[in-house]
């Protein structure tokens, strides 16, 4: 009697459906935690991804970047590659306002503080040296002849570039001679390393030299390195 009641309550198709639904529910319960773990929490995602507002502050748009940056071809036409860019010129200066002299020496002697130092990185550098000053050169003779003058010499690394008449001799008037500005320029070629330029009064007979103020300027222009010779290509048969 009980078996018949059970058969009436749950028919065979319905029982099968109940079993299948129960299995689906069990699988869902088991899968949901695994699926949930595969997604990021909102807090973690906010650290990994940028909002539109934050990205706009951090990065430049493609349209704006095209006006701010140069393409490689345009940059190569406007700029020189760093490896082939020429070295910058090197400058050194010195000046003095303390009076030197009057000096009547016939031998050479350094003008105090009239020197400067510099360094070049290139193997060869063209150097221009300029020395100017307000000076007088007076003679003790009865007349000033063409061969009378007050010479100076420029020394580069201790080597003289030769005497140069800086100021011509004039008669010494009772109230003194008016100082005039005189300038000399020398050029030379120097190698890599440190260098020193100094000025000497070269000395002369029967004249008195007075230097009121002076300026010394040195400009070195590094020359580009020569490309190594390429091996001649072997003739083809």
Protein backbone atom coordinates (compact mmCIF):
# COMPACT_ATOMS: atom_id res chain seq x y z
CA UNK A 1 0.00 0.00 0.00
CA UNK A 2 2.83 2.37 0.92
CA UNK A 3 4.73 1.59 -2.33
CA UNK A 4 1.72 2.61 -4.37
CA UNK A 5 1.41 5.90 -2.47
CA UNK A 6 5.08 6.65 -3.10
CA UNK A 7 4.71 5.97 -6.79
CA UNK A 8 1.71 8.31 -6.91
CA UNK A 9 3.56 11.13 -5.07
CA UNK A 10 6.74 11.03 -7.16
CA UNK A 11 6.50 9.71 -10.62
CA UNK A 12 9.62 8.45 -12.38
CA UNK A 13 10.10 11.50 -14.74
CA UNK A 14 9.59 13.92 -11.90
CA UNK A 15 12.07 12.10 -9.74
CA UNK A 16 14.68 12.28 -12.46
CA UNK A 17 14.11 16.03 -12.78
CA UNK A 18 14.57 16.54 -9.06
CA UNK A 19 17.83 14.62 -9.11
CA UNK A 20 19.19 16.70 -11.99
CA UNK A 21 18.27 20.00 -10.32
CA UNK A 22 19.94 18.90 -7.14
CA UNK A 23 23.12 18.10 -9.06
CA UNK A 24 23.09 21.51 -10.77
CA UNK A 25 22.70 23.28 -7.46
CA UNK A 26 25.61 21.32 -5.99
CA UNK A 27 27.87 22.17 -8.92
CA UNK A 28 26.92 25.86 -8.72
CA UNK A 29 27.76 25.99 -5.05
CA UNK A 30 31.15 24.45 -5.76
CA UNK A 31 31.95 26.66 -8.77
CA UNK A 32 30.83 30.06 -7.48
CA UNK A 33 33.72 30.49 -4.97
CA UNK A 34 36.27 29.58 -7.67
CA UNK A 35 34.72 32.04 -10.14
CA UNK A 36 34.58 34.76 -7.52
CA UNK A 37 38.28 34.34 -6.79
CA UNK A 38 39.13 34.88 -10.48
CA UNK A 39 37.78 38.45 -10.40
CA UNK A 40 39.52 41.45 -8.77
CA UNK A 41 37.99 43.29 -5.89
CA UNK A 42 37.02 46.90 -6.56
CA UNK A 43 39.78 48.13 -4.23
CA UNK A 44 42.49 46.13 -6.01
CA UNK A 45 41.23 47.08 -9.47
CA UNK A 46 41.42 50.79 -8.58
CA UNK A 47 45.16 50.39 -8.02
CA UNK A 48 45.77 48.51 -11.25
CA UNK A 49 43.64 50.52 -13.66
CA UNK A 50 43.50 54.29 -14.29
CA UNK A 51 40.34 56.29 -14.51
CA UNK A 52 39.83 58.53 -17.55
CA UNK A 53 40.49 61.61 -15.42
CA UNK A 54 43.73 60.25 -13.93
CA UNK A 55 44.95 58.92 -17.29
CA UNK A 56 44.43 62.37 -18.85
CA UNK A 57 46.72 63.91 -16.21
CA UNK A 58 49.39 61.23 -16.62
CA UNK A 59 49.55 60.69 -20.38
CA UNK A 60 49.36 62.85 -23.51
CA UNK A 61 46.77 62.10 -26.13
CA UNK A 62 47.93 60.94 -29.56
CA UNK A 63 46.67 64.17 -31.14
CA UNK A 64 48.51 66.39 -28.68
CA UNK A 65 51.68 64.25 -28.77
CA UNK A 66 51.93 64.66 -32.55
CA UNK A 67 52.41 68.41 -32.05
CA UNK A 68 54.82 68.11 -29.11
CA UNK A 69 57.23 65.48 -30.38
CA UNK A 70 59.20 65.05 -33.60
CA UNK A 71 59.28 61.95 -35.70
CA UNK A 72 62.70 60.38 -36.22
CA UNK A 73 62.97 61.61 -39.80
CA UNK A 74 62.07 65.21 -38.89
CA UNK A 75 64.43 65.18 -35.89
CA UNK A 76 67.34 63.89 -37.99
CA UNK A 77 66.82 66.76 -40.43
CA UNK A 78 66.83 69.39 -37.67
CA UNK A 79 69.41 68.08 -35.20
CA UNK A 80 72.87 66.53 -35.31
CA UNK A 81 73.45 63.19 -33.67
CA UNK A 82 75.26 63.57 -30.34
CA UNK A 83 78.12 61.31 -31.40
CA UNK A 84 78.90 63.54 -34.39
CA UNK A 85 78.11 66.92 -32.79
CA UNK A 86 81.10 69.29 -32.60
CA UNK A 87 82.59 70.05 -29.19
CA UNK A 88 81.76 73.42 -27.67
CA UNK A 89 84.44 76.15 -27.69
CA UNK A 90 86.39 76.70 -24.47
CA UNK A 91 87.02 80.18 -23.08
CA UNK A 92 89.25 81.60 -20.35
CA UNK A 93 89.73 85.21 -19.24
CA UNK A 94 91.73 87.30 -16.79
CA UNK A 95 91.89 91.03 -16.07
CA UNK A 96 93.73 93.48 -13.86
CA UNK A 97 93.44 97.12 -12.82
CA UNK A 98 96.53 97.43 -10.61
CA UNK A 99 99.21 99.54 -12.26
CA UNK A 100 102.30 97.72 -13.48
CA UNK A 101 105.41 99.92 -13.73
CA UNK A 102 106.93 102.13 -14.81
CA UNK A 103 109.44 99.41 -15.65
CA UNK A 104 112.78 100.11 -17.34
CA UNK A 105 114.08 96.53 -17.34
CA UNK A 106 115.85 95.08 -20.34
CA UNK A 107 115.00 91.47 -19.44
CA UNK A 108 111.65 89.71 -19.53
CA UNK A 109 109.43 89.53 -16.45
CA UNK A 110 105.90 88.37 -15.73
CA UNK A 111 103.08 90.88 -15.36
CA UNK A 112 101.47 89.97 -12.00
CA UNK A 113 98.22 87.93 -12.26
CA UNK A 114 98.27 88.22 -16.07
CA UNK A 115 97.66 84.52 -16.74
CA UNK A 116 94.78 82.09 -17.21
CA UNK A 117 94.28 78.33 -17.54
CA UNK A 118 91.91 76.11 -19.49
CA UNK A 119 91.55 72.55 -20.80
CA UNK A 120 90.48 71.03 -24.10
CA UNK A 121 89.07 67.55 -24.73
CA UNK A 122 89.77 67.41 -28.46
CA UNK A 123 92.98 66.01 -29.90
CA UNK A 124 93.52 69.29 -31.79
CA UNK A 125 92.16 72.76 -30.96
CA UNK A 126 92.66 76.08 -32.70
CA UNK A 127 93.36 78.77 -30.09
CA UNK A 128 93.03 82.56 -30.32
CA UNK A 129 94.75 84.67 -27.63
CA UNK A 130 93.98 88.34 -27.19
CA UNK A 131 95.76 90.75 -24.84
CA UNK A 132 94.85 94.41 -24.53
CA UNK A 133 95.72 97.13 -22.07
CA UNK A 134 96.00 100.82 -21.39
CA UNK A 135 99.73 101.60 -21.45
CA UNK A 136 102.42 104.20 -21.93
CA UNK A 137 105.91 103.74 -23.31
CA UNK A 138 108.27 106.67 -22.84
CA UNK A 139 111.88 107.04 -23.92
CA UNK A 140 114.73 108.66 -22.04
CA UNK A 141 116.41 109.61 -25.33
CA UNK A 142 116.27 113.09 -26.81
CA UNK A 143 114.03 111.81 -29.57
CA UNK A 144 111.77 108.78 -30.10
CA UNK A 145 113.02 106.64 -32.97
CA UNK A 146 111.14 103.97 -34.91
CA UNK A 147 113.12 101.17 -33.31
CA UNK A 148 112.09 102.13 -29.80
CA UNK A 149 109.05 100.43 -28.32
CA UNK A 150 107.83 98.50 -25.30
CA UNK A 151 107.45 94.80 -26.18
CA UNK A 152 105.45 92.05 -24.50
CA UNK A 153 105.35 88.32 -25.14
CA UNK A 154 102.70 85.65 -24.71
CA UNK A 155 103.75 82.37 -23.13
CA UNK A 156 101.72 79.23 -23.83
CA UNK A 157 102.57 76.41 -21.44
CA UNK A 158 105.80 78.23 -20.63
CA UNK A 159 106.88 78.66 -24.27
CA UNK A 160 107.12 82.15 -25.72
CA UNK A 161 105.27 82.90 -28.95
CA UNK A 162 107.75 85.73 -29.65
CA UNK A 163 108.21 89.36 -28.71
CA UNK A 164 105.65 91.83 -29.99
CA UNK A 165 105.95 95.62 -29.74
CA UNK A 166 102.96 96.49 -27.59
CA UNK A 167 103.30 100.28 -27.53
CA UNK A 168 105.60 102.63 -29.49
CA UNK A 169 107.94 104.88 -27.56
CA UNK A 170 107.07 108.54 -27.11
CA UNK A 171 108.93 111.44 -25.52
CA UNK A 172 108.24 111.87 -21.85
CA UNK A 173 106.53 115.24 -21.39
CA UNK A 174 106.76 117.18 -18.16
CA UNK A 175 103.20 116.24 -17.16
CA UNK A 176 103.46 112.63 -18.28
CA UNK A 177 102.29 110.79 -21.39
CA UNK A 178 98.62 109.98 -22.01
CA UNK A 179 97.94 106.21 -21.69
CA UNK A 180 96.47 104.63 -24.83
CA UNK A 181 94.76 101.29 -25.44
CA UNK A 182 96.85 98.71 -27.30
CA UNK A 183 95.93 95.17 -28.39
CA UNK A 184 97.78 92.13 -29.71
CA UNK A 185 96.32 88.85 -30.98
CA UNK A 186 98.11 85.52 -31.34
CA UNK A 187 96.90 82.19 -32.72
CA UNK A 188 98.21 78.71 -32.06
CA UNK A 189 97.24 75.03 -32.15
CA UNK A 190 97.09 72.98 -28.95
CA UNK A 191 96.54 69.34 -28.12
CA UNK A 192 94.29 67.61 -25.62
CA UNK A 193 94.73 68.49 -21.93
CA UNK A 194 95.27 71.48 -19.67
CA UNK A 195 97.06 74.64 -20.81
CA UNK A 196 98.24 77.94 -19.32
CA UNK A 197 98.64 81.33 -21.01
CA UNK A 198 100.72 84.06 -19.34
CA UNK A 199 101.92 87.54 -20.31
CA UNK A 200 105.42 88.98 -19.82
CA UNK A 201 106.89 92.38 -20.39
CA UNK A 202 109.77 91.46 -22.68
CA UNK A 203 112.05 94.38 -21.71
CA UNK A 204 113.86 97.00 -23.79
CA UNK A 205 116.62 99.60 -23.37
CA UNK A 206 116.06 103.32 -22.94
CA UNK A 207 112.26 103.02 -22.46
CA UNK A 208 109.92 102.93 -19.48
CA UNK A 209 106.78 100.80 -19.68
CA UNK A 210 103.64 101.46 -17.61
CA UNK A 211 100.51 99.32 -17.81
CA UNK A 212 97.42 100.90 -16.25
CA UNK A 213 94.91 98.09 -16.82
CA UNK A 214 94.72 94.99 -19.01
CA UNK A 215 92.49 92.17 -20.28
CA UNK A 216 93.48 88.66 -21.35
CA UNK A 217 91.08 86.42 -23.30
CA UNK A 218 91.63 82.94 -24.69
CA UNK A 219 89.27 81.03 -26.96
CA UNK A 220 89.92 77.40 -27.95
CA UNK A 221 87.98 75.81 -30.81
CA UNK A 222 88.11 71.98 -30.73
CA UNK A 223 88.46 70.45 -34.17
CA UNK A 224 86.49 67.33 -35.23
CA UNK A 225 88.30 64.03 -35.22
CA UNK A 226 89.40 62.74 -38.59
CA UNK A 227 87.67 59.58 -39.73
CA UNK A 228 89.98 56.54 -39.82
CA UNK A 229 91.09 55.53 -43.31
CA UNK A 230 88.98 52.79 -44.84
CA UNK A 231 90.62 49.73 -46.37
CA UNK A 232 90.62 49.79 -50.16
CA UNK A 233 88.19 47.36 -51.65
CA UNK A 234 89.80 44.44 -53.44
CA UNK A 235 89.30 44.53 -57.21
CA UNK A 236 86.67 42.17 -58.48
CA UNK A 237 87.42 39.84 -61.28
